[in-house]
Amino acid sequence: MKDSIQHLPVLKTPFCGDLRSKKFFLSDQIAATADDYLDASSHCWCYHTQQVVGPDGNIVMPERCVPGRGCYRSALEPARN
């Protein structure tokens, strides 16, 4: 049973699970809109790189950190090492 659970597809969340902002840390739920991330500063960063660019070298922003981006990870997946 445990092996079959590990092979279930992970649902895609609207934004990458590595997207971070100050506002992110105030929420108790998965972000559904860009406003759930952005405060007046509009500053976001990638948890994986700790920079304003992701592992693919592109800018980190809610509208860019979505399914289809090469480095995207669903917020429902375990964090990468």
N, C-alpha and C. Protein backbone atom coordinates (compact mmCIF):
# COMPACT_ATOMS: atom_id res chain seq x y z
N MET A 1 0.82 -1.19 0.00
CA MET A 1 0.00 0.00 0.00
C MET A 1 0.86 1.25 0.00
N LYS A 2 1.89 1.30 0.83
CA LYS A 2 2.75 2.48 0.91
C LYS A 2 3.41 2.77 -0.43
N ASP A 3 3.87 1.75 -1.17
CA ASP A 3 4.50 1.96 -2.46
C ASP A 3 3.53 2.57 -3.46
N SER A 4 2.27 2.17 -3.44
CA SER A 4 1.30 2.71 -4.38
C SER A 4 0.99 4.18 -4.08
N ILE A 5 1.04 4.58 -2.83
CA ILE A 5 0.81 5.97 -2.46
C ILE A 5 1.94 6.85 -2.99
N GLN A 6 3.15 6.38 -2.95
CA GLN A 6 4.29 7.16 -3.42
C GLN A 6 4.23 7.41 -4.92
N HIS A 7 3.46 6.67 -5.66
CA HIS A 7 3.40 6.81 -7.11
C HIS A 7 2.18 7.61 -7.58
N LEU A 8 1.41 8.13 -6.65
CA LEU A 8 0.28 8.97 -7.03
C LEU A 8 0.80 10.31 -7.55
N PRO A 9 0.14 10.87 -8.57
CA PRO A 9 0.60 12.17 -9.07
C PRO A 9 0.35 13.26 -8.03
N VAL A 10 1.24 14.22 -7.96
CA VAL A 10 1.10 15.34 -7.03
C VAL A 10 0.29 16.44 -7.72
N LEU A 11 -0.72 16.94 -7.03
CA LEU A 11 -1.53 18.02 -7.59
C LEU A 11 -0.68 19.28 -7.75
N LYS A 12 -0.89 19.97 -8.83
CA LYS A 12 -0.16 21.22 -9.09
C LYS A 12 -0.82 22.34 -8.29
N THR A 13 -0.01 23.15 -7.64
CA THR A 13 -0.51 24.32 -6.94
C THR A 13 -0.31 25.53 -7.86
N PRO A 14 -1.02 26.63 -7.62
CA PRO A 14 -0.91 27.78 -8.54
C PRO A 14 0.50 28.35 -8.64
N PHE A 15 1.29 28.23 -7.57
CA PHE A 15 2.63 28.80 -7.54
C PHE A 15 3.62 27.76 -7.03
N CYS A 16 4.88 27.95 -7.39
CA CYS A 16 5.93 27.04 -6.97
C CYS A 16 6.03 26.97 -5.45
N GLY A 17 6.29 25.81 -4.94
CA GLY A 17 6.45 25.62 -3.50
C GLY A 17 7.71 26.25 -2.95
N ASP A 18 8.61 26.71 -3.82
CA ASP A 18 9.84 27.36 -3.38
C ASP A 18 9.74 28.89 -3.40
N LEU A 19 8.62 29.44 -3.84
CA LEU A 19 8.43 30.88 -3.88
C LEU A 19 8.22 31.41 -2.47
N ARG A 20 8.95 32.44 -2.10
CA ARG A 20 8.86 33.02 -0.76
C ARG A 20 8.75 34.54 -0.82
N SER A 21 8.16 35.09 0.22
CA SER A 21 8.07 36.54 0.43
C SER A 21 7.81 36.75 1.92
N LYS A 22 7.91 37.97 2.37
CA LYS A 22 7.60 38.24 3.78
C LYS A 22 6.16 37.85 4.08
N LYS A 23 5.26 38.19 3.16
CA LYS A 23 3.84 37.91 3.37
C LYS A 23 3.56 36.40 3.42
N PHE A 24 4.35 35.63 2.72
CA PHE A 24 4.21 34.17 2.72
C PHE A 24 4.23 33.62 4.15
N PHE A 25 5.09 34.16 4.98
CA PHE A 25 5.27 33.66 6.34
C PHE A 25 4.13 34.04 7.28
N LEU A 26 3.24 34.91 6.82
CA LEU A 26 2.09 35.31 7.64
C LEU A 26 0.84 34.50 7.32
N SER A 27 0.90 33.70 6.28
CA SER A 27 -0.26 32.94 5.84
C SER A 27 -0.28 31.54 6.44
N ASP A 28 -1.48 31.04 6.65
CA ASP A 28 -1.62 29.68 7.18
C ASP A 28 -2.23 28.74 6.13
N GLN A 29 -2.16 29.15 4.86
CA GLN A 29 -2.70 28.32 3.79
C GLN A 29 -1.85 28.46 2.53
N ILE A 30 -2.07 27.59 1.57
CA ILE A 30 -1.34 27.66 0.30
C ILE A 30 -1.84 28.85 -0.49
N ALA A 31 -0.93 29.64 -1.02
CA ALA A 31 -1.28 30.84 -1.77
C ALA A 31 -2.08 30.48 -3.02
N ALA A 32 -3.15 31.23 -3.24
CA ALA A 32 -4.00 31.00 -4.40
C ALA A 32 -3.90 32.12 -5.42
N THR A 33 -3.44 33.31 -4.99
CA THR A 33 -3.29 34.45 -5.88
C THR A 33 -1.94 35.13 -5.62
N ALA A 34 -1.52 35.95 -6.56
CA ALA A 34 -0.27 36.69 -6.40
C ALA A 34 -0.35 37.61 -5.19
N ASP A 35 -1.52 38.14 -4.88
CA ASP A 35 -1.69 39.02 -3.71
C ASP A 35 -1.40 38.29 -2.40
N ASP A 36 -1.49 36.97 -2.40
CA ASP A 36 -1.16 36.20 -1.20
C ASP A 36 0.35 36.23 -0.92
N TYR A 37 1.13 36.62 -1.92
CA TYR A 37 2.59 36.73 -1.77
C TYR A 37 3.06 38.17 -1.65
N LEU A 38 2.46 39.04 -2.43
CA LEU A 38 3.01 40.38 -2.60
C LEU A 38 2.50 41.38 -1.56
N ASP A 39 3.44 42.07 -0.92
CA ASP A 39 3.09 43.19 -0.06
C ASP A 39 3.49 44.46 -0.81
N ALA A 40 3.58 45.57 -0.13
CA ALA A 40 3.90 46.84 -0.79
C ALA A 40 5.27 46.81 -1.47
N SER A 41 6.20 46.01 -0.97
CA SER A 41 7.54 45.95 -1.57
C SER A 41 7.58 45.10 -2.84
N SER A 42 6.65 44.19 -2.99
CA SER A 42 6.61 43.24 -4.13
C SER A 42 7.87 42.39 -4.22
N HIS A 43 8.56 42.21 -3.10
CA HIS A 43 9.81 41.44 -3.10
C HIS A 43 9.54 39.96 -2.83
N CYS A 44 10.04 39.13 -3.72
CA CYS A 44 9.94 37.67 -3.59
C CYS A 44 11.32 37.08 -3.82
N TRP A 45 11.51 35.85 -3.36
CA TRP A 45 12.76 35.14 -3.61
C TRP A 45 12.47 33.65 -3.68
N CYS A 46 13.45 32.92 -4.15
CA CYS A 46 13.36 31.47 -4.28
C CYS A 46 13.97 30.82 -3.04
N TYR A 47 13.23 29.95 -2.41
CA TYR A 47 13.74 29.23 -1.24
C TYR A 47 14.96 28.39 -1.61
N HIS A 48 14.92 27.83 -2.80
CA HIS A 48 15.99 26.93 -3.24
C HIS A 48 17.31 27.68 -3.45
N THR A 49 17.25 28.85 -4.10
CA THR A 49 18.47 29.61 -4.40
C THR A 49 18.75 30.71 -3.38
N GLN A 50 17.73 31.10 -2.61
CA GLN A 50 17.83 32.24 -1.67
C GLN A 50 18.15 33.53 -2.41
N GLN A 51 17.71 33.64 -3.65
CA GLN A 51 17.95 34.81 -4.49
C GLN A 51 16.65 35.22 -5.19
N VAL A 52 16.70 36.34 -5.91
CA VAL A 52 15.55 36.78 -6.69
C VAL A 52 15.52 36.11 -8.06
N VAL A 53 16.43 35.19 -8.29
CA VAL A 53 16.43 34.36 -9.49
C VAL A 53 16.30 32.90 -9.07
N GLY A 54 15.60 32.13 -9.87
CA GLY A 54 15.42 30.72 -9.58
C GLY A 54 16.58 29.89 -10.09
N PRO A 55 16.50 28.57 -9.89
CA PRO A 55 17.57 27.67 -10.34
C PRO A 55 17.78 27.71 -11.85
N ASP A 56 16.75 28.15 -12.58
CA ASP A 56 16.86 28.24 -14.04
C ASP A 56 17.46 29.56 -14.51
N GLY A 57 17.81 30.46 -13.57
CA GLY A 57 18.41 31.74 -13.92
C GLY A 57 17.42 32.84 -14.26
N ASN A 58 16.14 32.57 -14.14
CA ASN A 58 15.11 33.56 -14.44
C ASN A 58 14.56 34.20 -13.17
N ILE A 59 14.00 35.39 -13.32
CA ILE A 59 13.45 36.17 -12.22
C ILE A 59 12.34 35.41 -11.50
N VAL A 60 12.29 35.61 -10.19
CA VAL A 60 11.27 35.00 -9.33
C VAL A 60 10.15 36.01 -9.11
N MET A 61 8.95 35.66 -9.52
CA MET A 61 7.75 36.47 -9.32
C MET A 61 6.57 35.51 -9.33
N PRO A 62 5.48 35.82 -8.63
CA PRO A 62 4.35 34.90 -8.64
C PRO A 62 3.86 34.53 -10.04
N GLU A 63 3.80 35.50 -10.93
CA GLU A 63 3.29 35.20 -12.27
C GLU A 63 4.26 34.38 -13.11
N ARG A 64 5.51 34.25 -12.67
CA ARG A 64 6.50 33.44 -13.40
C ARG A 64 6.76 32.09 -12.75
N CYS A 65 6.48 31.97 -11.47
CA CYS A 65 6.76 30.73 -10.73
C CYS A 65 5.51 29.85 -10.70
N VAL A 66 5.18 29.34 -11.85
CA VAL A 66 3.93 28.60 -12.05
C VAL A 66 4.23 27.25 -12.73
N PRO A 67 3.23 26.36 -12.74
CA PRO A 67 3.43 25.09 -13.45
C PRO A 67 3.88 25.34 -14.89
N GLY A 68 4.80 24.55 -15.35
CA GLY A 68 5.34 24.70 -16.69
C GLY A 68 6.76 25.26 -16.68
N ARG A 69 7.11 25.99 -15.63
CA ARG A 69 8.49 26.47 -15.50
C ARG A 69 9.36 25.28 -15.12
N GLY A 70 10.53 25.18 -15.69
CA GLY A 70 11.39 24.01 -15.50
C GLY A 70 11.73 23.69 -14.06
N CYS A 71 11.84 24.70 -13.22
CA CYS A 71 12.23 24.48 -11.83
C CYS A 71 11.03 24.45 -10.89
N TYR A 72 9.82 24.53 -11.43
CA TYR A 72 8.60 24.52 -10.62
C TYR A 72 8.49 23.25 -9.77
N ARG A 73 8.05 23.42 -8.53
CA ARG A 73 7.76 22.31 -7.63
C ARG A 73 6.44 22.64 -6.94
N SER A 74 5.48 21.73 -6.99
CA SER A 74 4.20 21.95 -6.33
C SER A 74 4.42 22.18 -4.84
N ALA A 75 3.64 23.05 -4.25
CA ALA A 75 3.73 23.31 -2.81
C ALA A 75 3.31 22.07 -2.01
N LEU A 76 2.74 21.09 -2.67
CA LEU A 76 2.33 19.85 -1.99
C LEU A 76 3.40 18.76 -2.05
N GLU A 77 4.49 19.03 -2.75
CA GLU A 77 5.61 18.09 -2.82
C GLU A 77 6.57 18.35 -1.67
N PRO A 78 7.33 17.34 -1.26
CA PRO A 78 8.35 17.57 -0.25
C PRO A 78 9.41 18.54 -0.78
N ALA A 79 10.00 19.32 0.11
CA ALA A 79 11.04 20.28 -0.29
C ALA A 79 12.26 19.54 -0.83
N ARG A 80 12.98 20.19 -1.73
CA ARG A 80 14.21 19.63 -2.29
C ARG A 80 15.35 19.83 -1.31
N ASN A 81 16.38 19.06 -1.48
CA ASN A 81 17.59 19.24 -0.68
C ASN A 81 18.49 20.26 -1.30
